[in-house]
Every structure is written in structure tokens, then in C-alpha cells.
Amino acid sequence: MTFPNTAVLYLRAYKKTPDKMKYVIVTPGGTVQYDIPIMKVQKYSLDDIFEKRLLMLIPFYIFSHENNFSEYNSNGQKLEKLKAEYQAILERLDKLEQQGVIGAFDKRTIIELSGDVIKEIAQKYENVQKGVGDMMSGALIETSARKLKNEAENETKRNTALRMLKRGKMTIEEIAEDAGLSVSEVEQLAGLQTV
């Protein structure tokens, strides 16, 4: 039996938090033990998270700021700095989506989880919750709005292709090129039109 590599993720780490733990397996033939590394979210910078593609850590990145919440809550300048950091996260996620590194679903999940974590751990800090939490919610609305916009654009392209098909003066390839659709999409529309 092969055991997978394992690690423990600590969202909050303190001075006494160890760097490794012992994993002990008791079997009928004896005891086996080995060290498991401990990952501490607070030790990862945003650059580390993005460079190493540890995107699953983004929702928990706010824990690295937890000790400063009261300061952010009462100091507008410091809160703006935190918001700028989260704006940079959103921009980097957008870039990864545009490059095809992550999909829209992955990006949306990261943003949703980030908002949920912020809402939960910043309950006592209204300005932090509104400032950063609302920013993450706004990004979700923007993502939904973008989806609706794309759907409307695609519907317009299909309607344009249908009008061209009804005229019957162009080839499928010409219609596809003019309407901004693939040949197979136009062929499918042509098949629907004759049914």
C-alpha cells in the first residue's frame, strides 16, 4: 500500500506552532511513524501563492491580516491599502482566467470562498467587512454580468446568422464568418430552421 504525500494546513499559526507533526500508524505488525510538514497560510505571500499555483490558499489569505483588523477598521488609509491588495488578487485571477490557466468556475469559487471567509472572520469589524467583503461580492456580480453580456452577444450572433440563412444568398462558411460563429454552429442553426 502506498501512502500519499500529506501535509497539514494551519490557517492560524503562533510562535509555538511546530513546523512538522508526527504521523503514527499502528499495525498488527508494528508501528510506523513519519514526519508530516505543516503549511502555515500566514507564511505565504501573494506572490508565493500565485507563482506556486497554490490558488486554494487565496480564500484564507485574509488570515495573514487578521491581527490588524482593528487598525484597518479605524484607519481609512490602511483599509484602502488592504482593498488595493484584494483588487490586485482579483486582477491576477482575471489574468489567469484569460490565459486559460483557470476556468470561470474556479475563479468564481475562489472569489466566493474568499468573501465567505472574510465575512466570517471579520464579523466584529464592519469597515473591513464592507470594504474587502463588498469588493469580493462586487467581483461576483461583475462575473455574473459578464456571463449575461456574453449570452446576449451569442444570441445576437445566432439571430444574425438565422436572418442570413433565410435570405439564402450566402454559403454556410460566409455566414459563419460574417456572424462570428463557427461553421458547425451555423450548420446546426440551418438544421433547426429546416425542421
N, C-alpha and C. Protein backbone atom coordinates (compact mmCIF):
# COMPACT_ATOMS: atom_id res chain seq x y z
N MET A 1 0.85 -1.18 0.00
CA MET A 1 0.00 0.00 0.00
C MET A 1 0.89 1.23 0.00
N THR A 2 0.61 2.17 -0.89
CA THR A 2 1.39 3.40 -0.98
C THR A 2 0.61 4.54 -0.37
N PHE A 3 1.21 5.23 0.58
CA PHE A 3 0.57 6.37 1.21
C PHE A 3 0.90 7.63 0.42
N PRO A 4 -0.08 8.49 0.23
CA PRO A 4 0.20 9.75 -0.49
C PRO A 4 1.00 10.71 0.37
N ASN A 5 1.62 11.68 -0.30
CA ASN A 5 2.28 12.75 0.45
C ASN A 5 1.20 13.54 1.19
N THR A 6 1.48 13.91 2.40
CA THR A 6 0.50 14.57 3.24
C THR A 6 1.10 15.83 3.84
N ALA A 7 0.24 16.78 4.11
CA ALA A 7 0.65 18.00 4.81
C ALA A 7 -0.54 18.46 5.63
N VAL A 8 -0.28 19.26 6.64
CA VAL A 8 -1.33 19.85 7.46
C VAL A 8 -1.30 21.35 7.20
N LEU A 9 -2.48 21.92 6.98
CA LEU A 9 -2.60 23.34 6.71
C LEU A 9 -3.14 24.05 7.94
N TYR A 10 -2.35 24.99 8.46
CA TYR A 10 -2.78 25.81 9.59
C TYR A 10 -3.20 27.18 9.06
N LEU A 11 -4.45 27.57 9.34
CA LEU A 11 -4.92 28.89 8.94
C LEU A 11 -4.36 29.96 9.87
N ARG A 12 -4.23 29.60 11.13
CA ARG A 12 -3.62 30.49 12.12
C ARG A 12 -2.42 29.78 12.70
N ALA A 13 -1.30 30.46 12.72
CA ALA A 13 -0.09 29.87 13.30
C ALA A 13 0.46 30.83 14.36
N TYR A 14 1.00 30.25 15.40
CA TYR A 14 1.56 31.03 16.51
C TYR A 14 3.02 30.65 16.67
N LYS A 15 3.72 31.32 17.59
CA LYS A 15 5.13 31.03 17.81
C LYS A 15 5.37 29.57 18.17
N LYS A 16 4.43 28.98 18.90
CA LYS A 16 4.59 27.59 19.34
C LYS A 16 4.14 26.57 18.30
N THR A 17 3.58 27.04 17.19
CA THR A 17 3.14 26.10 16.16
C THR A 17 4.36 25.43 15.54
N PRO A 18 4.43 24.10 15.58
CA PRO A 18 5.61 23.41 15.05
C PRO A 18 5.66 23.46 13.53
N ASP A 19 6.79 23.10 12.97
CA ASP A 19 6.95 23.04 11.51
C ASP A 19 6.62 21.66 10.95
N LYS A 20 6.50 20.68 11.84
CA LYS A 20 6.12 19.35 11.39
C LYS A 20 5.42 18.61 12.51
N MET A 21 4.68 17.57 12.11
CA MET A 21 3.98 16.71 13.06
C MET A 21 4.41 15.28 12.81
N LYS A 22 4.18 14.44 13.76
CA LYS A 22 4.46 13.01 13.60
C LYS A 22 3.16 12.31 13.24
N TYR A 23 3.22 11.48 12.24
CA TYR A 23 2.10 10.65 11.85
C TYR A 23 2.43 9.24 12.30
N VAL A 24 1.59 8.66 13.14
CA VAL A 24 1.86 7.34 13.70
C VAL A 24 0.77 6.38 13.22
N ILE A 25 1.20 5.28 12.63
CA ILE A 25 0.28 4.25 12.17
C ILE A 25 0.60 2.97 12.94
N VAL A 26 -0.41 2.50 13.65
CA VAL A 26 -0.23 1.27 14.42
C VAL A 26 -0.85 0.13 13.61
N THR A 27 -0.03 -0.86 13.29
CA THR A 27 -0.49 -2.01 12.52
C THR A 27 -0.26 -3.28 13.35
N PRO A 28 -0.89 -4.38 12.96
CA PRO A 28 -0.65 -5.63 13.69
C PRO A 28 0.83 -6.04 13.67
N GLY A 29 1.56 -5.61 12.65
CA GLY A 29 2.97 -5.99 12.54
C GLY A 29 3.93 -5.00 13.17
N GLY A 30 3.42 -3.92 13.71
CA GLY A 30 4.30 -2.93 14.32
C GLY A 30 3.81 -1.51 14.08
N THR A 31 4.57 -0.59 14.55
CA THR A 31 4.21 0.82 14.45
C THR A 31 5.13 1.51 13.43
N VAL A 32 4.52 2.35 12.62
CA VAL A 32 5.27 3.13 11.64
C VAL A 32 4.99 4.60 11.95
N GLN A 33 6.02 5.42 11.91
CA GLN A 33 5.81 6.85 12.11
C GLN A 33 6.69 7.63 11.16
N TYR A 34 6.18 8.77 10.73
CA TYR A 34 6.96 9.65 9.87
C TYR A 34 6.49 11.09 10.07
N ASP A 35 7.33 12.02 9.63
CA ASP A 35 7.03 13.44 9.80
C ASP A 35 6.15 13.94 8.66
N ILE A 36 5.24 14.82 9.03
CA ILE A 36 4.38 15.49 8.05
C ILE A 36 4.65 16.99 8.17
N PRO A 37 4.94 17.64 7.05
CA PRO A 37 5.19 19.10 7.12
C PRO A 37 3.89 19.86 7.42
N ILE A 38 4.05 20.97 8.09
CA ILE A 38 2.92 21.85 8.38
C ILE A 38 3.03 23.08 7.50
N MET A 39 1.97 23.36 6.76
CA MET A 39 1.89 24.57 5.93
C MET A 39 1.19 25.64 6.76
N LYS A 40 1.79 26.80 6.82
CA LYS A 40 1.20 27.92 7.56
C LYS A 40 0.80 29.01 6.57
N VAL A 41 -0.50 29.21 6.42
CA VAL A 41 -1.01 30.15 5.43
C VAL A 41 -0.33 31.52 5.56
N GLN A 42 -0.12 31.96 6.79
CA GLN A 42 0.44 33.29 7.02
C GLN A 42 1.86 33.46 6.48
N LYS A 43 2.54 32.36 6.22
CA LYS A 43 3.92 32.46 5.71
C LYS A 43 3.98 32.60 4.19
N TYR A 44 2.84 32.44 3.52
CA TYR A 44 2.82 32.54 2.06
C TYR A 44 2.42 33.94 1.64
N SER A 45 3.28 34.58 0.84
CA SER A 45 2.93 35.89 0.29
C SER A 45 2.02 35.67 -0.91
N LEU A 46 1.41 36.74 -1.38
CA LEU A 46 0.58 36.62 -2.59
C LEU A 46 1.40 36.15 -3.78
N ASP A 47 2.62 36.65 -3.88
CA ASP A 47 3.48 36.21 -4.98
C ASP A 47 3.74 34.71 -4.89
N ASP A 48 4.01 34.21 -3.68
CA ASP A 48 4.20 32.76 -3.50
C ASP A 48 2.97 31.99 -3.95
N ILE A 49 1.81 32.45 -3.52
CA ILE A 49 0.55 31.77 -3.84
C ILE A 49 0.34 31.69 -5.34
N PHE A 50 0.56 32.80 -6.04
CA PHE A 50 0.34 32.80 -7.48
C PHE A 50 1.46 32.09 -8.24
N GLU A 51 2.70 32.29 -7.85
CA GLU A 51 3.82 31.64 -8.55
C GLU A 51 3.79 30.13 -8.41
N LYS A 52 3.44 29.65 -7.23
CA LYS A 52 3.41 28.21 -6.97
C LYS A 52 2.05 27.60 -7.29
N ARG A 53 1.14 28.43 -7.80
CA ARG A 53 -0.22 28.00 -8.15
C ARG A 53 -0.95 27.36 -6.97
N LEU A 54 -0.79 27.95 -5.80
CA LEU A 54 -1.48 27.50 -4.58
C LEU A 54 -2.77 28.30 -4.41
N LEU A 55 -3.53 28.39 -5.48
CA LEU A 55 -4.71 29.25 -5.52
C LEU A 55 -5.75 28.87 -4.47
N MET A 56 -5.71 27.63 -4.01
CA MET A 56 -6.65 27.19 -2.97
C MET A 56 -6.41 27.95 -1.66
N LEU A 57 -5.24 28.59 -1.53
CA LEU A 57 -4.93 29.35 -0.31
C LEU A 57 -5.51 30.77 -0.34
N ILE A 58 -5.92 31.26 -1.50
CA ILE A 58 -6.40 32.65 -1.60
C ILE A 58 -7.54 32.94 -0.63
N PRO A 59 -8.56 32.08 -0.52
CA PRO A 59 -9.64 32.41 0.42
C PRO A 59 -9.15 32.58 1.86
N PHE A 60 -8.04 31.95 2.19
CA PHE A 60 -7.53 32.02 3.56
C PHE A 60 -6.43 33.06 3.74
N TYR A 61 -6.10 33.76 2.67
CA TYR A 61 -5.05 34.77 2.73
C TYR A 61 -5.38 35.86 3.74
N ILE A 62 -6.65 36.14 3.93
CA ILE A 62 -7.08 37.19 4.87
C ILE A 62 -6.59 36.90 6.29
N PHE A 63 -6.31 35.64 6.62
CA PHE A 63 -5.80 35.31 7.95
C PHE A 63 -4.46 36.00 8.23
N SER A 64 -3.70 36.28 7.18
CA SER A 64 -2.41 36.96 7.40
C SER A 64 -2.61 38.41 7.83
N HIS A 65 -3.83 38.93 7.68
CA HIS A 65 -4.13 40.31 8.08
C HIS A 65 -4.97 40.37 9.35
N GLU A 66 -5.37 39.24 9.87
CA GLU A 66 -6.31 39.19 10.98
C GLU A 66 -5.88 40.02 12.18
N ASN A 67 -4.61 40.01 12.52
CA ASN A 67 -4.12 40.76 13.68
C ASN A 67 -4.24 42.27 13.51
N ASN A 68 -4.43 42.74 12.28
CA ASN A 68 -4.51 44.17 12.01
C ASN A 68 -5.94 44.66 11.75
N PHE A 69 -6.94 43.81 11.92
CA PHE A 69 -8.32 44.19 11.61
C PHE A 69 -8.77 45.45 12.35
N SER A 70 -8.45 45.57 13.63
CA SER A 70 -8.91 46.75 14.38
C SER A 70 -8.28 48.01 13.80
N GLU A 71 -7.03 47.91 13.37
CA GLU A 71 -6.35 49.05 12.77
C GLU A 71 -6.99 49.42 11.43
N TYR A 72 -7.23 48.40 10.58
CA TYR A 72 -7.89 48.65 9.29
C TYR A 72 -9.28 49.25 9.49
N ASN A 73 -9.98 48.78 10.51
CA ASN A 73 -11.34 49.21 10.76
C ASN A 73 -11.42 50.70 11.13
N SER A 74 -10.37 51.20 11.78
CA SER A 74 -10.39 52.59 12.24
C SER A 74 -9.52 53.53 11.41
N ASN A 75 -8.73 52.99 10.51
CA ASN A 75 -7.82 53.82 9.72
C ASN A 75 -8.14 53.64 8.23
N GLY A 76 -8.77 54.64 7.64
CA GLY A 76 -9.18 54.58 6.24
C GLY A 76 -8.06 54.32 5.26
N GLN A 77 -6.88 54.92 5.52
CA GLN A 77 -5.74 54.73 4.62
C GLN A 77 -5.27 53.28 4.62
N LYS A 78 -5.19 52.70 5.79
CA LYS A 78 -4.74 51.31 5.88
C LYS A 78 -5.77 50.36 5.27
N LEU A 79 -7.05 50.70 5.44
CA LEU A 79 -8.10 49.89 4.83
C LEU A 79 -8.00 49.97 3.31
N GLU A 80 -7.72 51.14 2.79
CA GLU A 80 -7.57 51.30 1.33
C GLU A 80 -6.40 50.46 0.81
N LYS A 81 -5.36 50.37 1.59
CA LYS A 81 -4.20 49.55 1.21
C LYS A 81 -4.60 48.07 1.14
N LEU A 82 -5.38 47.61 2.11
CA LEU A 82 -5.87 46.24 2.11
C LEU A 82 -6.79 46.00 0.91
N LYS A 83 -7.66 46.95 0.64
CA LYS A 83 -8.56 46.82 -0.51
C LYS A 83 -7.77 46.75 -1.81
N ALA A 84 -6.70 47.56 -1.90
CA ALA A 84 -5.86 47.54 -3.11
C ALA A 84 -5.21 46.16 -3.29
N GLU A 85 -4.83 45.55 -2.18
CA GLU A 85 -4.24 44.21 -2.23
C GLU A 85 -5.26 43.20 -2.78
N TYR A 86 -6.50 43.32 -2.34
CA TYR A 86 -7.55 42.41 -2.82
C TYR A 86 -7.95 42.73 -4.26
N GLN A 87 -7.86 43.99 -4.65
CA GLN A 87 -8.10 44.35 -6.05
C GLN A 87 -7.03 43.69 -6.93
N ALA A 88 -5.80 43.68 -6.45
CA ALA A 88 -4.71 43.02 -7.20
C ALA A 88 -4.96 41.51 -7.32
N ILE A 89 -5.52 40.91 -6.26
CA ILE A 89 -5.85 39.48 -6.32
C ILE A 89 -6.88 39.24 -7.43
N LEU A 90 -7.92 40.07 -7.46
CA LEU A 90 -8.96 39.91 -8.48
C LEU A 90 -8.38 40.08 -9.88
N GLU A 91 -7.49 41.05 -10.05
CA GLU A 91 -6.88 41.27 -11.36
C GLU A 91 -6.01 40.09 -11.78
N ARG A 92 -5.27 39.53 -10.83
CA ARG A 92 -4.43 38.37 -11.14
C ARG A 92 -5.28 37.15 -11.48
N LEU A 93 -6.40 36.98 -10.79
CA LEU A 93 -7.31 35.88 -11.13
C LEU A 93 -7.90 36.08 -12.52
N ASP A 94 -8.27 37.32 -12.86
CA ASP A 94 -8.77 37.62 -14.21
C ASP A 94 -7.73 37.24 -15.26
N LYS A 95 -6.49 37.61 -14.99
CA LYS A 95 -5.40 37.32 -15.94
C LYS A 95 -5.23 35.81 -16.12
N LEU A 96 -5.28 35.06 -15.02
CA LEU A 96 -5.15 33.60 -15.12
C LEU A 96 -6.31 33.00 -15.90
N GLU A 97 -7.50 33.58 -15.73
CA GLU A 97 -8.65 33.08 -16.49
C GLU A 97 -8.47 33.38 -17.98
N GLN A 98 -8.03 34.59 -18.30
CA GLN A 98 -7.81 34.97 -19.71
C GLN A 98 -6.74 34.10 -20.36
N GLN A 99 -5.74 33.70 -19.59
CA GLN A 99 -4.67 32.84 -20.11
C GLN A 99 -5.09 31.38 -20.19
N GLY A 100 -6.26 31.06 -19.65
CA GLY A 100 -6.73 29.68 -19.68
C GLY A 100 -6.13 28.79 -18.59
N VAL A 101 -5.45 29.40 -17.62
CA VAL A 101 -4.85 28.64 -16.52
C VAL A 101 -5.95 28.12 -15.59
N ILE A 102 -6.95 28.96 -15.34
CA ILE A 102 -8.11 28.55 -14.54
C ILE A 102 -9.37 28.87 -15.33
N GLY A 103 -10.43 28.17 -15.01
CA GLY A 103 -11.70 28.42 -15.66
C GLY A 103 -12.54 29.42 -14.87
N ALA A 104 -13.64 29.83 -15.47
CA ALA A 104 -14.54 30.79 -14.82
C ALA A 104 -15.10 30.21 -13.53
N PHE A 105 -15.40 28.91 -13.52
CA PHE A 105 -15.95 28.28 -12.32
C PHE A 105 -14.94 28.32 -11.17
N ASP A 106 -13.67 28.00 -11.48
CA ASP A 106 -12.62 28.02 -10.45
C ASP A 106 -12.45 29.43 -9.89
N LYS A 107 -12.43 30.40 -10.78
CA LYS A 107 -12.26 31.79 -10.35
C LYS A 107 -13.43 32.21 -9.46
N ARG A 108 -14.64 31.89 -9.89
CA ARG A 108 -15.82 32.26 -9.12
C ARG A 108 -15.80 31.59 -7.74
N THR A 109 -15.38 30.32 -7.70
CA THR A 109 -15.31 29.59 -6.43
C THR A 109 -14.32 30.24 -5.48
N ILE A 110 -13.15 30.62 -5.99
CA ILE A 110 -12.13 31.27 -5.16
C ILE A 110 -12.67 32.59 -4.61
N ILE A 111 -13.35 33.37 -5.45
CA ILE A 111 -13.89 34.65 -5.02
C ILE A 111 -14.99 34.46 -3.98
N GLU A 112 -15.90 33.51 -4.25
CA GLU A 112 -16.98 33.24 -3.30
C GLU A 112 -16.45 32.81 -1.94
N LEU A 113 -15.51 31.86 -1.96
CA LEU A 113 -14.94 31.38 -0.69
C LEU A 113 -14.20 32.50 0.04
N SER A 114 -13.50 33.34 -0.70
CA SER A 114 -12.80 34.47 -0.08
C SER A 114 -13.78 35.38 0.62
N GLY A 115 -14.88 35.70 -0.05
CA GLY A 115 -15.91 36.54 0.56
C GLY A 115 -16.50 35.90 1.80
N ASP A 116 -16.75 34.59 1.73
CA ASP A 116 -17.32 33.88 2.88
C ASP A 116 -16.37 33.90 4.08
N VAL A 117 -15.09 33.68 3.82
CA VAL A 117 -14.11 33.66 4.92
C VAL A 117 -13.98 35.06 5.52
N ILE A 118 -13.91 36.07 4.68
CA ILE A 118 -13.81 37.45 5.18
C ILE A 118 -15.03 37.79 6.04
N LYS A 119 -16.20 37.43 5.54
CA LYS A 119 -17.43 37.70 6.28
C LYS A 119 -17.40 37.02 7.65
N GLU A 120 -16.89 35.82 7.70
CA GLU A 120 -16.87 35.05 8.94
C GLU A 120 -15.85 35.58 9.95
N ILE A 121 -14.61 35.82 9.51
CA ILE A 121 -13.59 36.18 10.50
C ILE A 121 -13.53 37.68 10.81
N ALA A 122 -14.20 38.50 9.99
CA ALA A 122 -14.19 39.94 10.25
C ALA A 122 -15.54 40.42 10.77
N GLN A 123 -16.27 39.55 11.43
CA GLN A 123 -17.62 39.89 11.91
C GLN A 123 -17.64 41.15 12.78
N LYS A 124 -16.63 41.33 13.59
CA LYS A 124 -16.61 42.45 14.53
C LYS A 124 -16.09 43.74 13.90
N TYR A 125 -15.69 43.68 12.64
CA TYR A 125 -15.04 44.82 12.00
C TYR A 125 -15.83 45.22 10.75
N GLU A 126 -16.81 46.07 10.96
CA GLU A 126 -17.75 46.43 9.90
C GLU A 126 -17.05 47.03 8.67
N ASN A 127 -16.08 47.93 8.90
CA ASN A 127 -15.41 48.58 7.77
C ASN A 127 -14.59 47.58 6.95
N VAL A 128 -13.97 46.63 7.62
CA VAL A 128 -13.20 45.60 6.90
C VAL A 128 -14.16 44.73 6.10
N GLN A 129 -15.26 44.34 6.73
CA GLN A 129 -16.25 43.50 6.05
C GLN A 129 -16.82 44.22 4.84
N LYS A 130 -17.21 45.47 5.02
CA LYS A 130 -17.79 46.22 3.90
C LYS A 130 -16.74 46.50 2.83
N GLY A 131 -15.56 46.92 3.25
CA GLY A 131 -14.53 47.30 2.28
C GLY A 131 -14.06 46.13 1.43
N VAL A 132 -13.56 45.10 2.07
CA VAL A 132 -13.00 43.96 1.33
C VAL A 132 -14.09 42.97 0.94
N GLY A 133 -15.01 42.69 1.87
CA GLY A 133 -16.09 41.75 1.58
C GLY A 133 -16.96 42.21 0.43
N ASP A 134 -17.33 43.50 0.43
CA ASP A 134 -18.15 44.03 -0.66
C ASP A 134 -17.40 44.02 -1.99
N MET A 135 -16.09 44.20 -1.93
CA MET A 135 -15.29 44.15 -3.15
C MET A 135 -15.38 42.75 -3.78
N MET A 136 -15.30 41.73 -2.94
CA MET A 136 -15.37 40.36 -3.45
C MET A 136 -16.78 40.07 -3.98
N SER A 137 -17.81 40.57 -3.29
CA SER A 137 -19.18 40.39 -3.77
C SER A 137 -19.38 41.11 -5.10
N GLY A 138 -18.79 42.30 -5.20
CA GLY A 138 -18.87 43.06 -6.45
C GLY A 138 -18.23 42.33 -7.60
N ALA A 139 -17.13 41.63 -7.32
CA ALA A 139 -16.47 40.85 -8.37
C ALA A 139 -17.37 39.72 -8.85
N LEU A 140 -18.14 39.13 -7.92
CA LEU A 140 -19.07 38.07 -8.31
C LEU A 140 -20.18 38.63 -9.18
N ILE A 141 -20.68 39.80 -8.84
CA ILE A 141 -21.73 40.43 -9.64
C ILE A 141 -21.19 40.72 -11.03
N GLU A 142 -19.95 41.21 -11.08
CA GLU A 142 -19.33 41.51 -12.36
C GLU A 142 -19.18 40.24 -13.20
N THR A 143 -18.82 39.13 -12.55
CA THR A 143 -18.69 37.87 -13.25
C THR A 143 -20.04 37.44 -13.81
N SER A 144 -21.11 37.59 -13.03
CA SER A 144 -22.45 37.24 -13.50
C SER A 144 -22.87 38.17 -14.63
N ALA A 145 -22.55 39.46 -14.49
CA ALA A 145 -22.90 40.42 -15.53
C ALA A 145 -22.17 40.08 -16.83
N ARG A 146 -20.90 39.70 -16.72
CA ARG A 146 -20.13 39.32 -17.90
C ARG A 146 -20.76 38.11 -18.59
N LYS A 147 -21.24 37.16 -17.78
CA LYS A 147 -21.87 35.96 -18.33
C LYS A 147 -23.13 36.35 -19.11
N LEU A 148 -23.95 37.24 -18.51
CA LEU A 148 -25.17 37.69 -19.18
C LEU A 148 -24.83 38.44 -20.48
N LYS A 149 -23.80 39.25 -20.43
CA LYS A 149 -23.37 40.00 -21.63
C LYS A 149 -22.95 39.03 -22.73
N ASN A 150 -22.16 38.02 -22.37
CA ASN A 150 -21.71 37.04 -23.36
C ASN A 150 -22.89 36.27 -23.96
N GLU A 151 -23.86 35.91 -23.10
CA GLU A 151 -25.05 35.21 -23.60
C GLU A 151 -25.82 36.09 -24.57
N ALA A 152 -25.95 37.38 -24.26
CA ALA A 152 -26.68 38.30 -25.15
C ALA A 152 -25.94 38.46 -26.48
N GLU A 153 -24.62 38.55 -26.42
CA GLU A 153 -23.84 38.66 -27.66
C GLU A 153 -23.99 37.41 -28.52
N ASN A 154 -23.96 36.25 -27.90
CA ASN A 154 -24.12 35.00 -28.65
C ASN A 154 -25.51 34.90 -29.27
N GLU A 155 -26.52 35.35 -28.54
CA GLU A 155 -27.89 35.34 -29.07
C GLU A 155 -28.00 36.26 -30.28
N THR A 156 -27.36 37.42 -30.22
CA THR A 156 -27.35 38.35 -31.34
C THR A 156 -26.68 37.72 -32.56
N LYS A 157 -25.56 37.03 -32.34
CA LYS A 157 -24.86 36.35 -33.44
C LYS A 157 -25.75 35.28 -34.08
N ARG A 158 -26.44 34.51 -33.25
CA ARG A 158 -27.33 33.45 -33.78
C ARG A 158 -28.48 34.06 -34.59
N ASN A 159 -29.06 35.14 -34.07
CA ASN A 159 -30.16 35.80 -34.80
C ASN A 159 -29.70 36.35 -36.14
N THR A 160 -28.49 36.92 -36.16
CA THR A 160 -27.92 37.44 -37.40
C THR A 160 -27.74 36.30 -38.40
N ALA A 161 -27.20 35.18 -37.94
CA ALA A 161 -26.99 34.02 -38.82
C ALA A 161 -28.32 33.49 -39.34
N LEU A 162 -29.34 33.44 -38.49
CA LEU A 162 -30.66 32.96 -38.93
C LEU A 162 -31.24 33.85 -40.04
N ARG A 163 -31.10 35.18 -39.88
CA ARG A 163 -31.58 36.09 -40.92
C ARG A 163 -30.85 35.85 -42.24
N MET A 164 -29.55 35.63 -42.18
CA MET A 164 -28.75 35.37 -43.39
C MET A 164 -29.16 34.04 -44.03
N LEU A 165 -29.43 33.05 -43.19
CA LEU A 165 -29.86 31.75 -43.71
C LEU A 165 -31.20 31.87 -44.43
N LYS A 166 -32.11 32.66 -43.88
CA LYS A 166 -33.44 32.84 -44.50
C LYS A 166 -33.32 33.48 -45.87
N ARG A 167 -32.36 34.40 -46.02
CA ARG A 167 -32.17 35.05 -47.32
C ARG A 167 -31.66 34.06 -48.36
N GLY A 168 -30.85 33.10 -47.90
CA GLY A 168 -30.36 32.04 -48.78
C GLY A 168 -29.37 32.47 -49.84
N LYS A 169 -28.71 33.58 -49.67
CA LYS A 169 -27.79 34.10 -50.70
C LYS A 169 -26.32 33.85 -50.37
N MET A 170 -26.04 33.29 -49.18
CA MET A 170 -24.64 33.11 -48.76
C MET A 170 -24.40 31.66 -48.41
N THR A 171 -23.13 31.26 -48.50
CA THR A 171 -22.78 29.91 -48.09
C THR A 171 -22.70 29.85 -46.56
N ILE A 172 -22.72 28.64 -46.03
CA ILE A 172 -22.61 28.43 -44.58
C ILE A 172 -21.33 29.08 -44.06
N GLU A 173 -20.23 28.90 -44.80
CA GLU A 173 -18.93 29.44 -44.39
C GLU A 173 -18.95 30.96 -44.33
N GLU A 174 -19.59 31.60 -45.33
CA GLU A 174 -19.68 33.06 -45.36
C GLU A 174 -20.52 33.58 -44.19
N ILE A 175 -21.61 32.89 -43.92
CA ILE A 175 -22.48 33.29 -42.80
C ILE A 175 -21.72 33.16 -41.48
N ALA A 176 -20.99 32.06 -41.32
CA ALA A 176 -20.22 31.85 -40.10
C ALA A 176 -19.21 32.98 -39.90
N GLU A 177 -18.52 33.33 -40.98
CA GLU A 177 -17.51 34.39 -40.88
C GLU A 177 -18.15 35.74 -40.55
N ASP A 178 -19.24 36.07 -41.22
CA ASP A 178 -19.89 37.37 -41.01
C ASP A 178 -20.56 37.46 -39.63
N ALA A 179 -21.14 36.35 -39.17
CA ALA A 179 -21.86 36.38 -37.90
C ALA A 179 -20.94 36.16 -36.70
N GLY A 180 -19.70 35.71 -36.94
CA GLY A 180 -18.77 35.45 -35.83
C GLY A 180 -19.06 34.14 -35.12
N LEU A 181 -19.59 33.17 -35.87
CA LEU A 181 -19.88 31.85 -35.33
C LEU A 181 -19.01 30.81 -36.03
N SER A 182 -18.99 29.61 -35.47
CA SER A 182 -18.28 28.53 -36.14
C SER A 182 -19.18 27.94 -37.23
N VAL A 183 -18.57 27.25 -38.19
CA VAL A 183 -19.34 26.63 -39.26
C VAL A 183 -20.33 25.62 -38.68
N SER A 184 -19.90 24.85 -37.68
CA SER A 184 -20.80 23.86 -37.08
C SER A 184 -21.99 24.52 -36.40
N GLU A 185 -21.79 25.69 -35.78
CA GLU A 185 -22.92 26.39 -35.15
C GLU A 185 -23.93 26.85 -36.20
N VAL A 186 -23.43 27.34 -37.34
CA VAL A 186 -24.33 27.77 -38.41
C VAL A 186 -25.04 26.57 -39.03
N GLU A 187 -24.32 25.47 -39.21
CA GLU A 187 -24.95 24.25 -39.73
C GLU A 187 -26.06 23.78 -38.80
N GLN A 188 -25.81 23.87 -37.50
CA GLN A 188 -26.83 23.48 -36.52
C GLN A 188 -28.05 24.40 -36.63
N LEU A 189 -27.83 25.71 -36.78
CA LEU A 189 -28.94 26.64 -36.95
C LEU A 189 -29.70 26.36 -38.25
N ALA A 190 -28.97 26.01 -39.31
CA ALA A 190 -29.60 25.69 -40.58
C ALA A 190 -30.46 24.44 -40.45
N GLY A 191 -30.00 23.47 -39.69
CA GLY A 191 -30.77 22.25 -39.44
C GLY A 191 -32.02 22.54 -38.64
N LEU A 192 -31.94 23.42 -37.66
CA LEU A 192 -33.11 23.80 -36.87
C LEU A 192 -34.14 24.54 -37.71
N GLN A 193 -33.63 25.34 -38.65
CA GLN A 193 -34.51 26.15 -39.48
C GLN A 193 -35.35 25.28 -40.42
N THR A 194 -34.78 24.16 -40.91
CA THR A 194 -35.50 23.30 -41.85
C THR A 194 -36.45 22.34 -41.17
N VAL A 195 -36.35 22.19 -39.83
CA VAL A 195 -37.21 21.25 -39.11
C VAL A 195 -38.62 21.78 -39.02
